Amino acid sequence: MAFNGYLLKMGEDIFPLFFVFKESYKVVPNRRVDLDSSRNANGKLQRNVLDHMPSTISFQTKPMWNDELNEMMSFIRSHFSVEKEKKMILEYYCPDTDDYKTGEFYVPDIEYSISRVDLENNKIFYNGFQLEFIEY
């Protein structure tokens, strides 16, 4: 299929790249997960790699005003299938295969930091922050 003009899709909706500091966009596709791997008496690694290989997607957001932040977070929240878990179906571009993959992901807690407060206009300007999607 190859790259088709978007990096992330939540449901049928393409995630707006306006919010993404593109140079920070990272994908770790098909992360190998070991269970009870160990070294034998000769020091040779004996791996037990599980069949499920979850991916991780992360990027730095652009600095933004609170109304932009609310727009972005509302977009993300509207795609949660389980809000308490921040769980969603995500389609993402996978560089390993030059194709798109779909999986169940969650959004870990986000740490926001304020750059400045505009008291005259009742606005807050936030520094960019790390946004991450971790596959189940």
N, C-alpha and C. Protein backbone atom coordinates (compact mmCIF):
# COMPACT_ATOMS: atom_id res chain seq x y z
N MET A 1 0.82 -1.20 0.00
CA MET A 1 0.00 0.00 0.00
C MET A 1 0.86 1.26 0.00
N ALA A 2 1.93 1.28 0.75
CA ALA A 2 2.85 2.43 0.85
C ALA A 2 2.21 3.60 1.59
N PHE A 3 3.02 4.62 1.84
CA PHE A 3 2.55 5.81 2.56
C PHE A 3 1.42 6.46 1.78
N ASN A 4 0.35 6.82 2.51
CA ASN A 4 -0.84 7.35 1.85
C ASN A 4 -1.22 8.74 2.38
N GLY A 5 -0.22 9.53 2.82
CA GLY A 5 -0.48 10.92 3.17
C GLY A 5 -0.85 11.20 4.60
N TYR A 6 -0.85 10.20 5.47
CA TYR A 6 -1.13 10.43 6.89
C TYR A 6 -0.30 9.48 7.74
N LEU A 7 -0.06 9.87 8.98
CA LEU A 7 0.71 9.04 9.90
C LEU A 7 -0.18 8.24 10.83
N LEU A 8 -1.25 8.88 11.33
CA LEU A 8 -2.15 8.25 12.30
C LEU A 8 -3.60 8.45 11.88
N LYS A 9 -4.38 7.42 12.12
CA LYS A 9 -5.82 7.52 11.89
C LYS A 9 -6.51 6.89 13.09
N MET A 10 -7.48 7.61 13.65
CA MET A 10 -8.27 7.13 14.77
C MET A 10 -9.68 6.91 14.24
N GLY A 11 -10.12 5.68 14.20
CA GLY A 11 -11.38 5.38 13.55
C GLY A 11 -11.21 5.71 12.07
N GLU A 12 -12.13 6.50 11.54
CA GLU A 12 -12.04 6.93 10.14
C GLU A 12 -11.40 8.31 10.01
N ASP A 13 -10.97 8.89 11.13
CA ASP A 13 -10.48 10.27 11.16
C ASP A 13 -8.96 10.33 11.22
N ILE A 14 -8.37 11.08 10.31
CA ILE A 14 -6.92 11.29 10.28
C ILE A 14 -6.55 12.27 11.38
N PHE A 15 -5.52 11.90 12.17
CA PHE A 15 -5.04 12.80 13.23
C PHE A 15 -4.35 14.00 12.58
N PRO A 16 -4.77 15.22 12.94
CA PRO A 16 -4.20 16.43 12.31
C PRO A 16 -2.71 16.61 12.62
N LEU A 17 -1.90 16.66 11.57
CA LEU A 17 -0.45 16.84 11.76
C LEU A 17 -0.11 18.24 12.24
N PHE A 18 -1.06 19.14 12.20
CA PHE A 18 -0.86 20.49 12.71
C PHE A 18 -0.30 20.47 14.14
N PHE A 19 -0.72 19.50 14.94
CA PHE A 19 -0.32 19.43 16.35
C PHE A 19 1.04 18.76 16.57
N VAL A 20 1.59 18.16 15.54
CA VAL A 20 2.78 17.31 15.68
C VAL A 20 4.05 18.07 15.29
N PHE A 21 5.05 18.04 16.17
CA PHE A 21 6.39 18.48 15.80
C PHE A 21 7.00 17.31 15.03
N LYS A 22 6.89 17.36 13.70
CA LYS A 22 7.14 16.20 12.84
C LYS A 22 8.52 15.57 13.01
N GLU A 23 9.53 16.39 13.29
CA GLU A 23 10.88 15.86 13.44
C GLU A 23 11.01 14.95 14.67
N SER A 24 10.04 15.00 15.57
CA SER A 24 10.10 14.19 16.79
C SER A 24 9.30 12.90 16.67
N TYR A 25 8.60 12.71 15.57
CA TYR A 25 7.71 11.55 15.40
C TYR A 25 8.54 10.27 15.37
N LYS A 26 8.19 9.32 16.25
CA LYS A 26 8.93 8.06 16.35
C LYS A 26 7.96 6.89 16.38
N VAL A 27 8.33 5.83 15.69
CA VAL A 27 7.58 4.58 15.71
C VAL A 27 8.55 3.46 16.06
N VAL A 28 8.17 2.65 17.03
CA VAL A 28 8.90 1.41 17.31
C VAL A 28 7.92 0.30 16.95
N PRO A 29 8.00 -0.20 15.70
CA PRO A 29 7.04 -1.22 15.28
C PRO A 29 7.45 -2.61 15.75
N ASN A 30 6.45 -3.40 16.05
CA ASN A 30 6.66 -4.82 16.34
C ASN A 30 7.75 -5.08 17.39
N ARG A 31 7.62 -4.41 18.52
CA ARG A 31 8.60 -4.57 19.60
C ARG A 31 8.59 -6.01 20.11
N ARG A 32 9.75 -6.63 20.12
CA ARG A 32 9.86 -8.01 20.60
C ARG A 32 9.71 -8.03 22.12
N VAL A 33 8.90 -8.96 22.60
CA VAL A 33 8.68 -9.12 24.03
C VAL A 33 9.15 -10.51 24.42
N ASP A 34 10.07 -10.57 25.37
CA ASP A 34 10.60 -11.85 25.84
C ASP A 34 9.88 -12.26 27.13
N LEU A 35 9.70 -13.57 27.28
CA LEU A 35 9.15 -14.11 28.51
C LEU A 35 10.10 -15.18 29.03
N ASP A 36 10.61 -14.98 30.21
CA ASP A 36 11.50 -15.94 30.86
C ASP A 36 12.74 -16.27 30.04
N SER A 37 13.24 -15.32 29.28
CA SER A 37 14.49 -15.54 28.56
C SER A 37 15.63 -15.51 29.56
N SER A 38 16.66 -16.29 29.30
CA SER A 38 17.77 -16.36 30.24
C SER A 38 19.03 -16.84 29.52
N ARG A 39 20.12 -16.82 30.21
CA ARG A 39 21.39 -17.31 29.67
C ARG A 39 21.67 -18.69 30.26
N ASN A 40 22.19 -19.56 29.39
CA ASN A 40 22.52 -20.91 29.87
C ASN A 40 23.87 -20.90 30.59
N ALA A 41 24.35 -22.05 30.98
CA ALA A 41 25.60 -22.16 31.74
C ALA A 41 26.81 -21.66 30.95
N ASN A 42 26.70 -21.62 29.62
CA ASN A 42 27.79 -21.13 28.78
C ASN A 42 27.64 -19.64 28.47
N GLY A 43 26.62 -19.03 29.00
CA GLY A 43 26.40 -17.61 28.78
C GLY A 43 25.63 -17.29 27.51
N LYS A 44 25.17 -18.33 26.81
CA LYS A 44 24.42 -18.11 25.57
C LYS A 44 22.96 -17.77 25.90
N LEU A 45 22.46 -16.73 25.25
CA LEU A 45 21.10 -16.29 25.49
C LEU A 45 20.10 -17.25 24.89
N GLN A 46 19.16 -17.69 25.70
CA GLN A 46 18.05 -18.53 25.26
C GLN A 46 16.80 -17.65 25.30
N ARG A 47 16.31 -17.24 24.12
CA ARG A 47 15.18 -16.31 24.05
C ARG A 47 13.87 -17.05 23.85
N ASN A 48 12.87 -16.51 24.51
CA ASN A 48 11.50 -16.96 24.33
C ASN A 48 10.69 -15.72 23.93
N VAL A 49 10.67 -15.45 22.62
CA VAL A 49 10.00 -14.26 22.11
C VAL A 49 8.53 -14.60 21.87
N LEU A 50 7.66 -13.77 22.42
CA LEU A 50 6.22 -14.00 22.29
C LEU A 50 5.74 -13.62 20.89
N ASP A 51 4.62 -14.22 20.50
CA ASP A 51 4.06 -13.96 19.17
C ASP A 51 3.54 -12.53 19.04
N HIS A 52 2.93 -12.00 20.09
CA HIS A 52 2.39 -10.63 20.03
C HIS A 52 3.54 -9.64 20.15
N MET A 53 3.67 -8.76 19.17
CA MET A 53 4.75 -7.78 19.16
C MET A 53 4.14 -6.38 19.06
N PRO A 54 3.91 -5.74 20.20
CA PRO A 54 3.23 -4.43 20.21
C PRO A 54 4.15 -3.31 19.71
N SER A 55 3.50 -2.32 19.13
CA SER A 55 4.21 -1.14 18.62
C SER A 55 4.00 0.04 19.56
N THR A 56 4.89 1.01 19.45
CA THR A 56 4.78 2.25 20.22
C THR A 56 4.98 3.41 19.25
N ILE A 57 4.15 4.42 19.42
CA ILE A 57 4.24 5.64 18.60
C ILE A 57 4.34 6.81 19.56
N SER A 58 5.27 7.72 19.30
CA SER A 58 5.40 8.89 20.17
C SER A 58 5.86 10.09 19.36
N PHE A 59 5.51 11.25 19.86
CA PHE A 59 5.96 12.49 19.26
C PHE A 59 5.78 13.63 20.24
N GLN A 60 6.50 14.69 19.96
CA GLN A 60 6.39 15.94 20.71
C GLN A 60 5.32 16.78 20.02
N THR A 61 4.43 17.36 20.80
CA THR A 61 3.46 18.26 20.20
C THR A 61 4.10 19.64 20.03
N LYS A 62 3.48 20.44 19.21
CA LYS A 62 3.89 21.84 19.10
C LYS A 62 3.42 22.57 20.35
N PRO A 63 4.08 23.65 20.72
CA PRO A 63 3.52 24.50 21.78
C PRO A 63 2.17 25.03 21.30
N MET A 64 1.21 25.17 22.22
CA MET A 64 -0.12 25.60 21.79
C MET A 64 -0.90 26.27 22.90
N TRP A 65 -1.87 27.07 22.48
CA TRP A 65 -2.79 27.72 23.40
C TRP A 65 -3.80 26.70 23.91
N ASN A 66 -4.43 27.02 25.03
CA ASN A 66 -5.37 26.08 25.64
C ASN A 66 -6.53 25.70 24.72
N ASP A 67 -6.99 26.59 23.85
CA ASP A 67 -8.08 26.23 22.95
C ASP A 67 -7.61 25.19 21.91
N GLU A 68 -6.36 25.30 21.46
CA GLU A 68 -5.81 24.31 20.54
C GLU A 68 -5.61 22.97 21.25
N LEU A 69 -5.12 23.04 22.49
CA LEU A 69 -4.94 21.83 23.29
C LEU A 69 -6.28 21.13 23.49
N ASN A 70 -7.31 21.90 23.80
CA ASN A 70 -8.63 21.32 23.99
C ASN A 70 -9.14 20.68 22.70
N GLU A 71 -8.89 21.31 21.57
CA GLU A 71 -9.29 20.75 20.28
C GLU A 71 -8.61 19.41 20.03
N MET A 72 -7.29 19.35 20.27
CA MET A 72 -6.55 18.12 20.05
C MET A 72 -7.00 17.02 21.01
N MET A 73 -7.12 17.35 22.30
CA MET A 73 -7.49 16.34 23.28
C MET A 73 -8.94 15.88 23.09
N SER A 74 -9.82 16.78 22.66
CA SER A 74 -11.21 16.39 22.37
C SER A 74 -11.24 15.40 21.21
N PHE A 75 -10.41 15.66 20.20
CA PHE A 75 -10.31 14.75 19.06
C PHE A 75 -9.88 13.36 19.53
N ILE A 76 -8.84 13.32 20.36
CA ILE A 76 -8.34 12.03 20.86
C ILE A 76 -9.39 11.36 21.73
N ARG A 77 -9.95 12.08 22.70
CA ARG A 77 -10.94 11.50 23.61
C ARG A 77 -12.16 10.96 22.87
N SER A 78 -12.55 11.62 21.79
CA SER A 78 -13.73 11.18 21.04
C SER A 78 -13.53 9.81 20.39
N HIS A 79 -12.30 9.34 20.35
CA HIS A 79 -12.01 8.05 19.74
C HIS A 79 -11.71 6.95 20.75
N PHE A 80 -11.81 7.26 22.04
CA PHE A 80 -11.60 6.23 23.06
C PHE A 80 -12.75 5.23 23.01
N SER A 81 -12.41 3.96 22.95
CA SER A 81 -13.44 2.92 23.06
C SER A 81 -13.71 2.60 24.53
N VAL A 82 -12.69 2.77 25.37
CA VAL A 82 -12.83 2.63 26.82
C VAL A 82 -12.13 3.84 27.43
N GLU A 83 -12.92 4.82 27.86
CA GLU A 83 -12.34 6.09 28.32
C GLU A 83 -11.44 5.91 29.55
N LYS A 84 -11.86 5.08 30.50
CA LYS A 84 -11.07 4.88 31.72
C LYS A 84 -9.66 4.38 31.41
N GLU A 85 -9.55 3.55 30.38
CA GLU A 85 -8.25 2.99 29.98
C GLU A 85 -7.55 3.84 28.94
N LYS A 86 -8.25 4.87 28.42
CA LYS A 86 -7.75 5.67 27.30
C LYS A 86 -7.37 4.75 26.14
N LYS A 87 -8.26 3.83 25.85
CA LYS A 87 -8.05 2.79 24.85
C LYS A 87 -8.69 3.19 23.53
N MET A 88 -8.02 2.90 22.43
CA MET A 88 -8.55 3.23 21.10
C MET A 88 -7.98 2.30 20.04
N ILE A 89 -8.67 2.26 18.92
CA ILE A 89 -8.15 1.59 17.73
C ILE A 89 -7.39 2.64 16.94
N LEU A 90 -6.17 2.31 16.58
CA LEU A 90 -5.30 3.27 15.90
C LEU A 90 -4.72 2.60 14.66
N GLU A 91 -4.79 3.31 13.55
CA GLU A 91 -4.10 2.87 12.33
C GLU A 91 -2.89 3.77 12.18
N TYR A 92 -1.75 3.19 11.92
CA TYR A 92 -0.52 3.98 11.84
C TYR A 92 0.35 3.49 10.70
N TYR A 93 1.15 4.42 10.20
CA TYR A 93 2.11 4.08 9.16
C TYR A 93 3.28 3.35 9.80
N CYS A 94 3.62 2.18 9.26
CA CYS A 94 4.71 1.35 9.78
C CYS A 94 5.89 1.39 8.82
N PRO A 95 6.99 2.04 9.21
CA PRO A 95 8.16 2.15 8.33
C PRO A 95 8.78 0.80 7.97
N ASP A 96 8.68 -0.19 8.86
CA ASP A 96 9.25 -1.52 8.60
C ASP A 96 8.73 -2.12 7.30
N THR A 97 7.45 -1.92 7.05
CA THR A 97 6.79 -2.58 5.93
C THR A 97 6.29 -1.60 4.87
N ASP A 98 6.50 -0.29 5.09
CA ASP A 98 6.00 0.75 4.19
C ASP A 98 4.51 0.54 3.93
N ASP A 99 3.80 0.30 5.04
CA ASP A 99 2.37 0.01 4.96
C ASP A 99 1.71 0.48 6.26
N TYR A 100 0.43 0.34 6.35
CA TYR A 100 -0.32 0.73 7.54
C TYR A 100 -0.70 -0.51 8.34
N LYS A 101 -0.67 -0.37 9.66
CA LYS A 101 -1.09 -1.42 10.57
C LYS A 101 -2.15 -0.84 11.49
N THR A 102 -2.98 -1.70 12.03
CA THR A 102 -4.03 -1.30 12.95
C THR A 102 -3.89 -2.10 14.22
N GLY A 103 -4.10 -1.45 15.36
CA GLY A 103 -4.03 -2.15 16.64
C GLY A 103 -4.79 -1.41 17.72
N GLU A 104 -4.90 -2.06 18.87
CA GLU A 104 -5.51 -1.44 20.05
C GLU A 104 -4.40 -0.79 20.86
N PHE A 105 -4.55 0.49 21.15
CA PHE A 105 -3.54 1.27 21.85
C PHE A 105 -4.16 1.98 23.04
N TYR A 106 -3.29 2.41 23.95
CA TYR A 106 -3.74 3.31 25.01
C TYR A 106 -2.80 4.51 25.04
N VAL A 107 -3.30 5.60 25.62
CA VAL A 107 -2.54 6.83 25.77
C VAL A 107 -2.12 6.94 27.23
N PRO A 108 -0.83 6.82 27.54
CA PRO A 108 -0.42 6.99 28.94
C PRO A 108 -0.63 8.43 29.40
N ASP A 109 -0.55 8.63 30.69
CA ASP A 109 -0.76 9.97 31.25
C ASP A 109 0.19 10.97 30.62
N ILE A 110 -0.33 12.17 30.46
CA ILE A 110 0.41 13.25 29.80
C ILE A 110 0.83 14.27 30.85
N GLU A 111 2.05 14.76 30.72
CA GLU A 111 2.55 15.80 31.62
C GLU A 111 2.57 17.12 30.86
N TYR A 112 1.73 18.05 31.30
CA TYR A 112 1.63 19.37 30.66
C TYR A 112 2.47 20.37 31.43
N SER A 113 3.07 21.31 30.71
CA SER A 113 3.77 22.40 31.39
C SER A 113 3.40 23.72 30.71
N ILE A 114 3.18 24.72 31.53
CA ILE A 114 2.73 26.03 31.06
C ILE A 114 3.93 26.89 30.71
N SER A 115 3.85 27.53 29.56
CA SER A 115 4.89 28.46 29.14
C SER A 115 4.56 29.87 29.63
N ARG A 116 3.29 30.26 29.46
CA ARG A 116 2.88 31.58 29.94
C ARG A 116 1.37 31.63 30.09
N VAL A 117 0.93 32.62 30.84
CA VAL A 117 -0.49 32.84 31.07
C VAL A 117 -0.82 34.26 30.62
N ASP A 118 -1.85 34.37 29.79
CA ASP A 118 -2.33 35.67 29.30
C ASP A 118 -3.58 36.01 30.10
N LEU A 119 -3.42 36.79 31.17
CA LEU A 119 -4.54 37.12 32.04
C LEU A 119 -5.53 38.06 31.37
N GLU A 120 -5.06 38.89 30.46
CA GLU A 120 -5.96 39.82 29.76
C GLU A 120 -6.99 39.08 28.91
N ASN A 121 -6.56 38.00 28.29
CA ASN A 121 -7.44 37.25 27.39
C ASN A 121 -7.87 35.89 27.95
N ASN A 122 -7.51 35.65 29.21
CA ASN A 122 -7.85 34.37 29.86
C ASN A 122 -7.39 33.17 29.03
N LYS A 123 -6.11 33.18 28.67
CA LYS A 123 -5.55 32.10 27.87
C LYS A 123 -4.28 31.58 28.51
N ILE A 124 -4.02 30.32 28.25
CA ILE A 124 -2.79 29.67 28.72
C ILE A 124 -2.04 29.16 27.50
N PHE A 125 -0.73 29.38 27.47
CA PHE A 125 0.11 28.86 26.40
C PHE A 125 0.96 27.73 26.97
N TYR A 126 0.84 26.53 26.38
CA TYR A 126 1.53 25.35 26.87
C TYR A 126 2.78 25.07 26.04
N ASN A 127 3.82 24.60 26.72
CA ASN A 127 4.99 24.08 26.02
C ASN A 127 4.57 22.81 25.28
N GLY A 128 5.34 22.44 24.28
CA GLY A 128 5.10 21.16 23.64
C GLY A 128 5.30 20.04 24.66
N PHE A 129 4.64 18.94 24.44
CA PHE A 129 4.75 17.81 25.38
C PHE A 129 4.75 16.50 24.61
N GLN A 130 5.17 15.46 25.29
CA GLN A 130 5.27 14.13 24.70
C GLN A 130 3.89 13.48 24.67
N LEU A 131 3.48 13.00 23.51
CA LEU A 131 2.25 12.25 23.36
C LEU A 131 2.64 10.85 22.88
N GLU A 132 2.08 9.84 23.51
CA GLU A 132 2.50 8.48 23.22
C GLU A 132 1.28 7.58 23.06
N PHE A 133 1.41 6.59 22.21
CA PHE A 133 0.39 5.58 22.00
C PHE A 133 1.10 4.22 22.14
N ILE A 134 0.62 3.39 23.07
CA ILE A 134 1.26 2.11 23.35
C ILE A 134 0.27 1.00 23.04
N GLU A 135 0.69 0.08 22.21
CA GLU A 135 -0.20 -1.02 21.82
C GLU A 135 -0.35 -2.02 22.95
N TYR A 136 -1.57 -2.54 23.08
CA TYR A 136 -1.85 -3.59 24.09
C TYR A 136 -1.13 -4.87 23.73
